[in-house]
């Protein structure tokens, strides 16, 4: 993975940007995408590029749009990273008023919807402040800076304060300090690793009793740990679902993973392997 172009959602300072920089510190190009769908298109059209995209948060849960794009896009998953997410409340610099006093003057706070979800307690404690959705955290910070309005603020990373010249009114705004976001690394082509110990799959099941149980039994029979199960509706097929599975296997033992997938094919209607890759422990 030497010096590839890397796509991320948002602008410099967003948590996706920070995760991408951590994964690829020597990337020859950092490509900003306005949306997740644009990011997936960019990676899908690239011969050697990667994308770093959030898929679940420890407080706000799964990012369903990303799961749906994994199904509809021709990309593979080749890695993951857990990023500690610490939110800051940022506003136009006004040294004449103490930061805590400034909070009482705010009317609107902008951020990505998942960031707003992770800071619910702040809005419960400040009912006069309206939570406003923005496409990404760093973009919200830049919007507040460009507005030159003291009644607006943004929830974003501390790095965004330095990048966009904003004052930090409050740090650690998230409801719980155990706030982590899991990002997956995607690429057009599979990336083989002799350190692989985790796999991601998408499958559909026959509409029969115990079909999900029998699918998961494949992993239990081999003492493989299923770490994530996610279901998403199949468009055009009411109340039928795609199932997403993450599972762990002994490091480097691709044969164990392949054997589980081979047996799973006999118990599912359709199956697609998103990738085998090295897990990261947070």
C-alpha atoms as a PDB file:
ATOM      1  CA  UNK A   1       0.000   0.000   0.000  1.00  0.00           C
ATOM      2  CA  UNK A   2       2.766   2.464  -0.913  1.00  0.00           C
ATOM      3  CA  UNK A   3       1.679   6.025  -1.675  1.00  0.00           C
ATOM      4  CA  UNK A   4      -1.752   5.362  -3.252  1.00  0.00           C
ATOM      5  CA  UNK A   5      -4.401   8.018  -3.867  1.00  0.00           C
ATOM      6  CA  UNK A   6      -6.892   7.878  -0.996  1.00  0.00           C
ATOM      7  CA  UNK A   7     -10.505   9.099  -0.982  1.00  0.00           C
ATOM      8  CA  UNK A   8     -12.409  10.270   2.073  1.00  0.00           C
ATOM      9  CA  UNK A   9     -15.789  11.894   2.660  1.00  0.00           C
ATOM     10  CA  UNK A  10     -15.819  15.567   3.649  1.00  0.00           C
ATOM     11  CA  UNK A  11     -13.039  18.149   3.667  1.00  0.00           C
ATOM     12  CA  UNK A  12      -9.694  18.381   5.526  1.00  0.00           C
ATOM     13  CA  UNK A  13     -10.304  18.168   9.265  1.00  0.00           C
ATOM     14  CA  UNK A  14     -13.233  15.727   9.050  1.00  0.00           C
ATOM     15  CA  UNK A  15     -12.946  12.499  11.024  1.00  0.00           C
ATOM     16  CA  UNK A  16     -12.861  10.567   7.753  1.00  0.00           C
ATOM     17  CA  UNK A  17      -9.910  12.719   6.698  1.00  0.00           C
ATOM     18  CA  UNK A  18      -8.133  12.021  10.010  1.00  0.00           C
ATOM     19  CA  UNK A  19      -8.741   8.278   9.646  1.00  0.00           C
ATOM     20  CA  UNK A  20      -7.461   8.309   6.057  1.00  0.00           C
ATOM     21  CA  UNK A  21      -4.295  10.170   7.092  1.00  0.00           C
ATOM     22  CA  UNK A  22      -3.719   7.662   9.883  1.00  0.00           C
ATOM     23  CA  UNK A  23      -4.138   4.714   7.479  1.00  0.00           C
ATOM     24  CA  UNK A  24      -2.110   6.236   4.655  1.00  0.00           C
ATOM     25  CA  UNK A  25       0.296   8.858   6.066  1.00  0.00           C
ATOM     26  CA  UNK A  26       2.295   8.911   2.821  1.00  0.00           C
ATOM     27  CA  UNK A  27      -0.597   8.957   0.350  1.00  0.00           C
ATOM     28  CA  UNK A  28       0.405  10.783  -2.827  1.00  0.00           C
ATOM     29  CA  UNK A  29      -3.051  12.341  -3.083  1.00  0.00           C
ATOM     30  CA  UNK A  30      -5.942  12.848  -0.668  1.00  0.00           C
ATOM     31  CA  UNK A  31      -9.218  13.037  -2.612  1.00  0.00           C
ATOM     32  CA  UNK A  32     -12.190  14.786  -1.000  1.00  0.00           C
ATOM     33  CA  UNK A  33     -15.652  13.376  -1.791  1.00  0.00           C
ATOM     34  CA  UNK A  34     -18.845  15.294  -1.105  1.00  0.00           C
ATOM     35  CA  UNK A  35     -20.821  12.136  -0.354  1.00  0.00           C
ATOM     36  CA  UNK A  36     -20.336   8.453   0.357  1.00  0.00           C
ATOM     37  CA  UNK A  37     -21.747   7.556  -3.070  1.00  0.00           C
ATOM     38  CA  UNK A  38     -19.185   9.847  -4.749  1.00  0.00           C
ATOM     39  CA  UNK A  39     -16.411   8.213  -2.728  1.00  0.00           C
ATOM     40  CA  UNK A  40     -17.495   4.725  -3.790  1.00  0.00           C
ATOM     41  CA  UNK A  41     -17.647   5.823  -7.447  1.00  0.00           C
ATOM     42  CA  UNK A  42     -14.145   7.290  -7.229  1.00  0.00           C
ATOM     43  CA  UNK A  43     -12.695   4.110  -5.741  1.00  0.00           C
ATOM     44  CA  UNK A  44     -14.634   1.912  -8.164  1.00  0.00           C
ATOM     45  CA  UNK A  45     -13.179   3.812 -11.121  1.00  0.00           C
ATOM     46  CA  UNK A  46      -9.604   3.729  -9.802  1.00  0.00           C
ATOM     47  CA  UNK A  47      -6.972   1.141 -10.678  1.00  0.00           C
ATOM     48  CA  UNK A  48      -4.870   1.605  -7.535  1.00  0.00           C
ATOM     49  CA  UNK A  49      -6.773   3.953  -5.229  1.00  0.00           C
ATOM     50  CA  UNK A  50      -8.281   3.323  -1.820  1.00  0.00           C
ATOM     51  CA  UNK A  51     -11.122   4.778   0.188  1.00  0.00           C
ATOM     52  CA  UNK A  52     -11.551   5.106   3.943  1.00  0.00           C
ATOM     53  CA  UNK A  53     -15.191   5.151   4.978  1.00  0.00           C
ATOM     54  CA  UNK A  54     -16.963   5.013   8.373  1.00  0.00           C
ATOM     55  CA  UNK A  55     -19.226   2.029   8.836  1.00  0.00           C
ATOM     56  CA  UNK A  56     -20.260   2.014  12.508  1.00  0.00           C
ATOM     57  CA  UNK A  57     -19.976   4.085  15.656  1.00  0.00           C
ATOM     58  CA  UNK A  58     -19.934   2.802  19.219  1.00  0.00           C
ATOM     59  CA  UNK A  59     -22.615   5.320  20.282  1.00  0.00           C
ATOM     60  CA  UNK A  60     -24.717   6.031  17.174  1.00  0.00           C
ATOM     61  CA  UNK A  61     -24.578   2.561  15.622  1.00  0.00           C
ATOM     62  CA  UNK A  62     -24.307   1.469  11.995  1.00  0.00           C
ATOM     63  CA  UNK A  63     -24.066   3.809   9.026  1.00  0.00           C
ATOM     64  CA  UNK A  64     -26.682   2.185   6.821  1.00  0.00           C
ATOM     65  CA  UNK A  65     -25.844   4.114   3.670  1.00  0.00           C
ATOM     66  CA  UNK A  66     -22.354   2.611   3.683  1.00  0.00           C
ATOM     67  CA  UNK A  67     -23.708  -0.924   4.076  1.00  0.00           C
ATOM     68  CA  UNK A  68     -26.043  -0.341   1.124  1.00  0.00           C
ATOM     69  CA  UNK A  69     -23.158   1.005  -0.987  1.00  0.00           C
ATOM     70  CA  UNK A  70     -21.016  -2.025  -0.163  1.00  0.00           C
ATOM     71  CA  UNK A  71     -23.803  -4.138  -1.657  1.00  0.00           C
ATOM     72  CA  UNK A  72     -24.397  -2.039  -4.768  1.00  0.00           C
ATOM     73  CA  UNK A  73     -20.766  -1.144  -5.576  1.00  0.00           C
ATOM     74  CA  UNK A  74     -18.042  -3.319  -7.044  1.00  0.00           C
ATOM     75  CA  UNK A  75     -15.451  -2.786  -4.312  1.00  0.00           C
ATOM     76  CA  UNK A  76     -13.708  -4.973  -1.756  1.00  0.00           C
ATOM     77  CA  UNK A  77     -12.901  -4.451   1.910  1.00  0.00           C
ATOM     78  CA  UNK A  78      -9.160  -4.734   2.579  1.00  0.00           C
ATOM     79  CA  UNK A  79      -8.695  -3.300   6.069  1.00  0.00           C
ATOM     80  CA  UNK A  80     -10.149  -1.445   9.021  1.00  0.00           C
ATOM     81  CA  UNK A  81      -9.261   1.162  11.617  1.00  0.00           C
ATOM     82  CA  UNK A  82     -10.859   2.288  14.872  1.00  0.00           C
ATOM     83  CA  UNK A  83     -10.681   6.023  15.504  1.00  0.00           C
ATOM     84  CA  UNK A  84     -11.333   7.622  18.896  1.00  0.00           C
ATOM     85  CA  UNK A  85     -13.863  10.373  18.192  1.00  0.00           C
ATOM     86  CA  UNK A  86     -13.623  13.427  20.463  1.00  0.00           C
ATOM     87  CA  UNK A  87     -16.044  16.194  19.522  1.00  0.00           C
ATOM     88  CA  UNK A  88     -15.436  19.888  20.160  1.00  0.00           C
ATOM     89  CA  UNK A  89     -17.879  22.776  20.069  1.00  0.00           C
ATOM     90  CA  UNK A  90     -16.375  25.416  17.754  1.00  0.00           C
ATOM     91  CA  UNK A  91     -17.440  29.015  17.117  1.00  0.00           C
ATOM     92  CA  UNK A  92     -16.156  32.341  15.814  1.00  0.00           C
ATOM     93  CA  UNK A  93     -13.356  33.555  18.056  1.00  0.00           C
ATOM     94  CA  UNK A  94     -14.509  36.108  20.619  1.00  0.00           C
ATOM     95  CA  UNK A  95     -11.998  36.480  23.442  1.00  0.00           C
ATOM     96  CA  UNK A  96     -14.143  39.139  25.133  1.00  0.00           C
ATOM     97  CA  UNK A  97     -16.535  36.446  26.445  1.00  0.00           C
ATOM     98  CA  UNK A  98     -15.578  33.293  28.316  1.00  0.00           C
ATOM     99  CA  UNK A  99     -16.212  30.080  26.298  1.00  0.00           C
ATOM    100  CA  UNK A 100     -18.869  28.812  28.755  1.00  0.00           C
ATOM    101  CA  UNK A 101     -20.663  32.152  28.469  1.00  0.00           C
ATOM    102  CA  UNK A 102     -20.600  31.953  24.695  1.00  0.00           C
ATOM    103  CA  UNK A 103     -22.592  28.717  24.745  1.00  0.00           C
ATOM    104  CA  UNK A 104     -25.592  30.555  26.151  1.00  0.00           C
ATOM    105  CA  UNK A 105     -25.589  32.933  23.177  1.00  0.00           C
ATOM    106  CA  UNK A 106     -25.700  30.194  20.523  1.00  0.00           C
ATOM    107  CA  UNK A 107     -28.818  29.656  18.406  1.00  0.00           C
ATOM    108  CA  UNK A 108     -27.755  26.865  16.032  1.00  0.00           C
ATOM    109  CA  UNK A 109     -25.082  24.161  16.023  1.00  0.00           C
ATOM    110  CA  UNK A 110     -24.166  22.419  12.762  1.00  0.00           C
ATOM    111  CA  UNK A 111     -22.602  19.006  12.213  1.00  0.00           C
ATOM    112  CA  UNK A 112     -22.916  15.639  10.509  1.00  0.00           C
ATOM    113  CA  UNK A 113     -26.076  13.806  11.695  1.00  0.00           C
ATOM    114  CA  UNK A 114     -24.047  11.026  13.335  1.00  0.00           C
ATOM    115  CA  UNK A 115     -21.999  13.597  15.257  1.00  0.00           C
ATOM    116  CA  UNK A 116     -25.208  15.265  16.421  1.00  0.00           C
ATOM    117  CA  UNK A 117     -26.496  11.860  17.591  1.00  0.00           C
ATOM    118  CA  UNK A 118     -23.317  11.320  19.595  1.00  0.00           C
ATOM    119  CA  UNK A 119     -23.864  14.631  21.429  1.00  0.00           C
ATOM    120  CA  UNK A 120     -27.549  14.319  22.341  1.00  0.00           C
ATOM    121  CA  UNK A 121     -27.003  15.192  25.981  1.00  0.00           C
ATOM    122  CA  UNK A 122     -25.577  18.599  25.049  1.00  0.00           C
ATOM    123  CA  UNK A 123     -28.767  19.510  23.190  1.00  0.00           C
ATOM    124  CA  UNK A 124     -30.953  18.124  25.980  1.00  0.00           C
ATOM    125  CA  UNK A 125     -29.118  20.389  28.416  1.00  0.00           C
ATOM    126  CA  UNK A 126     -29.346  23.348  26.030  1.00  0.00           C
ATOM    127  CA  UNK A 127     -32.888  23.215  24.599  1.00  0.00           C
ATOM    128  CA  UNK A 128     -32.608  26.698  23.134  1.00  0.00           C
ATOM    129  CA  UNK A 129     -29.928  25.556  20.686  1.00  0.00           C
ATOM    130  CA  UNK A 130     -31.097  23.978  17.424  1.00  0.00           C
ATOM    131  CA  UNK A 131     -29.192  20.959  16.077  1.00  0.00           C
ATOM    132  CA  UNK A 132     -28.678  21.480  12.326  1.00  0.00           C
ATOM    133  CA  UNK A 133     -27.509  18.818   9.875  1.00  0.00           C
ATOM    134  CA  UNK A 134     -24.458  19.424   7.682  1.00  0.00           C
ATOM    135  CA  UNK A 135     -22.749  17.058   5.244  1.00  0.00           C
ATOM    136  CA  UNK A 136     -19.617  16.603   7.356  1.00  0.00           C
ATOM    137  CA  UNK A 137     -18.088  17.886  10.578  1.00  0.00           C
ATOM    138  CA  UNK A 138     -15.224  19.861   9.061  1.00  0.00           C
ATOM    139  CA  UNK A 139     -17.555  21.336   6.438  1.00  0.00           C
ATOM    140  CA  UNK A 140     -19.767  22.542   9.280  1.00  0.00           C
ATOM    141  CA  UNK A 141     -16.757  24.212  10.898  1.00  0.00           C
ATOM    142  CA  UNK A 142     -15.863  25.969   7.661  1.00  0.00           C
ATOM    143  CA  UNK A 143     -19.494  27.036   7.186  1.00  0.00           C
ATOM    144  CA  UNK A 144     -19.538  28.626  10.661  1.00  0.00           C
ATOM    145  CA  UNK A 145     -16.252  30.415   9.953  1.00  0.00           C
ATOM    146  CA  UNK A 146     -17.517  31.730   6.607  1.00  0.00           C
ATOM    147  CA  UNK A 147     -20.791  32.878   8.162  1.00  0.00           C
ATOM    148  CA  UNK A 148     -18.994  35.312  10.507  1.00  0.00           C
ATOM    149  CA  UNK A 149     -21.987  34.920  12.849  1.00  0.00           C
ATOM    150  CA  UNK A 150     -21.373  34.537  16.574  1.00  0.00           C
ATOM    151  CA  UNK A 151     -24.711  32.779  17.159  1.00  0.00           C
ATOM    152  CA  UNK A 152     -23.637  29.745  15.128  1.00  0.00           C
ATOM    153  CA  UNK A 153     -21.318  26.915  16.139  1.00  0.00           C
ATOM    154  CA  UNK A 154     -20.154  23.551  14.816  1.00  0.00           C
ATOM    155  CA  UNK A 155     -19.371  20.169  16.310  1.00  0.00           C
ATOM    156  CA  UNK A 156     -16.121  18.919  14.837  1.00  0.00           C
ATOM    157  CA  UNK A 157     -12.643  17.608  15.624  1.00  0.00           C
ATOM    158  CA  UNK A 158     -10.119  19.765  17.459  1.00  0.00           C
ATOM    159  CA  UNK A 159      -8.044  19.808  14.262  1.00  0.00           C
ATOM    160  CA  UNK A 160     -10.854  21.719  12.519  1.00  0.00           C
ATOM    161  CA  UNK A 161     -10.475  24.593  14.995  1.00  0.00           C
ATOM    162  CA  UNK A 162      -6.871  25.107  13.902  1.00  0.00           C
ATOM    163  CA  UNK A 163      -7.620  24.579  10.210  1.00  0.00           C
ATOM    164  CA  UNK A 164     -10.510  27.054  10.061  1.00  0.00           C
ATOM    165  CA  UNK A 165      -9.553  29.544  12.752  1.00  0.00           C
ATOM    166  CA  UNK A 166     -12.326  28.833  15.259  1.00  0.00           C
ATOM    167  CA  UNK A 167     -12.455  29.030  19.038  1.00  0.00           C
ATOM    168  CA  UNK A 168     -13.017  25.856  21.062  1.00  0.00           C
ATOM    169  CA  UNK A 169     -15.916  26.521  23.416  1.00  0.00           C
ATOM    170  CA  UNK A 170     -16.047  23.017  24.872  1.00  0.00           C
ATOM    171  CA  UNK A 171     -14.121  19.778  24.417  1.00  0.00           C
ATOM    172  CA  UNK A 172     -15.344  16.181  24.736  1.00  0.00           C
ATOM    173  CA  UNK A 173     -18.924  17.047  23.819  1.00  0.00           C
ATOM    174  CA  UNK A 174     -19.817  13.403  23.077  1.00  0.00           C
ATOM    175  CA  UNK A 175     -22.195  11.623  25.457  1.00  0.00           C
ATOM    176  CA  UNK A 176     -19.677   8.943  26.386  1.00  0.00           C
ATOM    177  CA  UNK A 177     -15.857   8.965  26.310  1.00  0.00           C
ATOM    178  CA  UNK A 178     -15.929   5.463  24.804  1.00  0.00           C
ATOM    179  CA  UNK A 179     -16.792   6.966  21.436  1.00  0.00           C
ATOM    180  CA  UNK A 180     -15.101   5.115  18.593  1.00  0.00           C
ATOM    181  CA  UNK A 181     -15.853   4.928  14.899  1.00  0.00           C
ATOM    182  CA  UNK A 182     -14.865   1.898  12.882  1.00  0.00           C
ATOM    183  CA  UNK A 183     -13.709   2.742   9.358  1.00  0.00           C
ATOM    184  CA  UNK A 184     -13.168   0.202   6.592  1.00  0.00           C
ATOM    185  CA  UNK A 185     -10.628   0.533   3.814  1.00  0.00           C
ATOM    186  CA  UNK A 186     -12.076  -0.212   0.387  1.00  0.00           C
ATOM    187  CA  UNK A 187     -10.438  -0.775  -2.981  1.00  0.00           C
ATOM    188  CA  UNK A 188     -11.348  -1.885  -6.478  1.00  0.00           C
ATOM    189  CA  UNK A 189      -9.162  -4.973  -6.283  1.00  0.00           C
ATOM    190  CA  UNK A 190      -8.729  -7.489  -3.450  1.00  0.00           C
ATOM    191  CA  UNK A 191      -5.599  -6.998  -1.359  1.00  0.00           C
ATOM    192  CA  UNK A 192      -4.160 -10.282  -0.123  1.00  0.00           C
ATOM    193  CA  UNK A 193      -2.548 -10.309   3.325  1.00  0.00           C
ATOM    194  CA  UNK A 194      -0.808 -13.192   5.095  1.00  0.00           C
ATOM    195  CA  UNK A 195      -1.856 -11.431   8.324  1.00  0.00           C
ATOM    196  CA  UNK A 196      -5.572 -11.619   7.527  1.00  0.00           C
ATOM    197  CA  UNK A 197      -7.750 -12.678  10.453  1.00  0.00           C
ATOM    198  CA  UNK A 198     -11.115 -11.107   9.673  1.00  0.00           C
ATOM    199  CA  UNK A 199     -13.663 -11.497   6.892  1.00  0.00           C
ATOM    200  CA  UNK A 200     -16.700  -9.569   5.683  1.00  0.00           C
ATOM    201  CA  UNK A 201     -19.572 -11.151   3.716  1.00  0.00           C
ATOM    202  CA  UNK A 202     -22.946 -10.256   2.234  1.00  0.00           C
ATOM    203  CA  UNK A 203     -25.559 -12.960   1.745  1.00  0.00           C
ATOM    204  CA  UNK A 204     -29.271 -13.556   1.284  1.00  0.00           C
ATOM    205  CA  UNK A 205     -31.219 -16.452   2.763  1.00  0.00           C
ATOM    206  CA  UNK A 206     -34.044 -18.733   1.670  1.00  0.00           C
ATOM    207  CA  UNK A 207     -37.339 -17.702   3.266  1.00  0.00           C
ATOM    208  CA  UNK A 208     -37.481 -20.745   5.536  1.00  0.00           C
ATOM    209  CA  UNK A 209     -37.565 -21.320   9.298  1.00  0.00           C
ATOM    210  CA  UNK A 210     -34.131 -21.290  10.993  1.00  0.00           C
ATOM    211  CA  UNK A 211     -32.278 -20.208   7.836  1.00  0.00           C
ATOM    212  CA  UNK A 212     -30.345 -17.497   9.703  1.00  0.00           C
ATOM    213  CA  UNK A 213     -29.569 -19.907  12.544  1.00  0.00           C
ATOM    214  CA  UNK A 214     -28.209 -22.464  10.073  1.00  0.00           C
ATOM    215  CA  UNK A 215     -26.072 -19.803   8.382  1.00  0.00           C
ATOM    216  CA  UNK A 216     -24.520 -18.654  11.657  1.00  0.00           C
ATOM    217  CA  UNK A 217     -24.061 -22.268  12.730  1.00  0.00           C
ATOM    218  CA  UNK A 218     -21.313 -22.535  10.093  1.00  0.00           C
ATOM    219  CA  UNK A 219     -19.132 -20.251  12.182  1.00  0.00           C
ATOM    220  CA  UNK A 220     -20.020 -21.797  15.543  1.00  0.00           C
ATOM    221  CA  UNK A 221     -19.132 -25.272  14.279  1.00  0.00           C
ATOM    222  CA  UNK A 222     -15.632 -24.017  13.436  1.00  0.00           C
ATOM    223  CA  UNK A 223     -15.194 -21.924  16.563  1.00  0.00           C
ATOM    224  CA  UNK A 224     -15.054 -18.732  14.487  1.00  0.00           C
ATOM    225  CA  UNK A 225     -16.211 -15.555  16.195  1.00  0.00           C
ATOM    226  CA  UNK A 226     -18.957 -13.549  14.474  1.00  0.00           C
ATOM    227  CA  UNK A 227     -18.354  -9.926  15.504  1.00  0.00           C
ATOM    228  CA  UNK A 228     -21.102  -8.171  13.548  1.00  0.00           C
ATOM    229  CA  UNK A 229     -24.467  -9.041  12.009  1.00  0.00           C
ATOM    230  CA  UNK A 230     -26.346  -6.355  10.094  1.00  0.00           C
ATOM    231  CA  UNK A 231     -29.504  -6.675   8.004  1.00  0.00           C
ATOM    232  CA  UNK A 232     -30.620  -4.253   5.302  1.00  0.00           C
ATOM    233  CA  UNK A 233     -33.825  -4.393   3.223  1.00  0.00           C
ATOM    234  CA  UNK A 234     -33.582  -5.605  -0.366  1.00  0.00           C
ATOM    235  CA  UNK A 235     -34.976  -2.902  -2.621  1.00  0.00           C
ATOM    236  CA  UNK A 236     -37.909  -4.234  -4.628  1.00  0.00           C
ATOM    237  CA  UNK A 237     -38.406  -7.250  -2.341  1.00  0.00           C
ATOM    238  CA  UNK A 238     -40.510  -6.124   0.626  1.00  0.00           C
ATOM    239  CA  UNK A 239     -39.451  -7.592   3.983  1.00  0.00           C
ATOM    240  CA  UNK A 240     -36.531  -9.512   2.530  1.00  0.00           C
ATOM    241  CA  UNK A 241     -33.001  -8.677   3.625  1.00  0.00           C
ATOM    242  CA  UNK A 242     -29.334  -8.675   2.795  1.00  0.00           C
ATOM    243  CA  UNK A 243     -27.254  -9.892   5.740  1.00  0.00           C
ATOM    244  CA  UNK A 244     -23.788  -8.543   6.435  1.00  0.00           C
ATOM    245  CA  UNK A 245     -21.423 -10.620   8.566  1.00  0.00           C
ATOM    246  CA  UNK A 246     -18.005  -9.829  10.010  1.00  0.00           C
ATOM    247  CA  UNK A 247     -16.168 -12.810  11.484  1.00  0.00           C
ATOM    248  CA  UNK A 248     -12.734 -13.564  12.899  1.00  0.00           C
ATOM    249  CA  UNK A 249     -10.491 -16.538  12.154  1.00  0.00           C
ATOM    250  CA  UNK A 250      -6.948 -17.526  13.204  1.00  0.00           C
ATOM    251  CA  UNK A 251      -4.427 -15.051  11.794  1.00  0.00           C
ATOM    252  CA  UNK A 252      -3.184 -16.094   8.380  1.00  0.00           C
ATOM    253  CA  UNK A 253      -5.464 -19.149   8.216  1.00  0.00           C
ATOM    254  CA  UNK A 254      -7.332 -18.294   5.018  1.00  0.00           C
ATOM    255  CA  UNK A 255      -8.197 -21.984   4.622  1.00  0.00           C
ATOM    256  CA  UNK A 256     -10.397 -21.847   7.737  1.00  0.00           C
ATOM    257  CA  UNK A 257     -12.188 -18.812   6.333  1.00  0.00           C
ATOM    258  CA  UNK A 258     -12.582 -20.424   2.906  1.00  0.00           C
ATOM    259  CA  UNK A 259     -14.008 -23.606   4.421  1.00  0.00           C
ATOM    260  CA  UNK A 260     -16.614 -21.591   6.315  1.00  0.00           C
ATOM    261  CA  UNK A 261     -17.572 -19.679   3.174  1.00  0.00           C
ATOM    262  CA  UNK A 262     -17.788 -22.903   1.129  1.00  0.00           C
ATOM    263  CA  UNK A 263     -20.224 -24.423   3.609  1.00  0.00           C
ATOM    264  CA  UNK A 264     -22.141 -21.143   3.871  1.00  0.00           C
ATOM    265  CA  UNK A 265     -22.781 -21.266   0.121  1.00  0.00           C
ATOM    266  CA  UNK A 266     -24.809 -24.438   0.711  1.00  0.00           C
ATOM    267  CA  UNK A 267     -27.025 -22.653   3.263  1.00  0.00           C
ATOM    268  CA  UNK A 268     -27.608 -19.294   1.554  1.00  0.00           C
ATOM    269  CA  UNK A 269     -29.368 -18.141  -1.583  1.00  0.00           C
ATOM    270  CA  UNK A 270     -26.612 -15.744  -2.671  1.00  0.00           C
ATOM    271  CA  UNK A 271     -23.268 -14.865  -1.115  1.00  0.00           C
ATOM    272  CA  UNK A 272     -20.495 -12.376  -1.851  1.00  0.00           C
ATOM    273  CA  UNK A 273     -17.159 -12.169  -0.059  1.00  0.00           C
ATOM    274  CA  UNK A 274     -16.277  -8.515   0.518  1.00  0.00           C
ATOM    275  CA  UNK A 275     -12.773  -9.377   1.655  1.00  0.00           C
ATOM    276  CA  UNK A 276     -10.361 -10.998   4.104  1.00  0.00           C
ATOM    277  CA  UNK A 277      -8.075  -8.579   5.934  1.00  0.00           C
ATOM    278  CA  UNK A 278      -6.091  -7.893   9.092  1.00  0.00           C
ATOM    279  CA  UNK A 279      -8.266  -6.695  11.942  1.00  0.00           C
ATOM    280  CA  UNK A 280      -7.366  -3.774  14.180  1.00  0.00           C
ATOM    281  CA  UNK A 281      -8.022  -3.941  17.895  1.00  0.00           C
ATOM    282  CA  UNK A 282      -9.036  -0.628  19.397  1.00  0.00           C
END
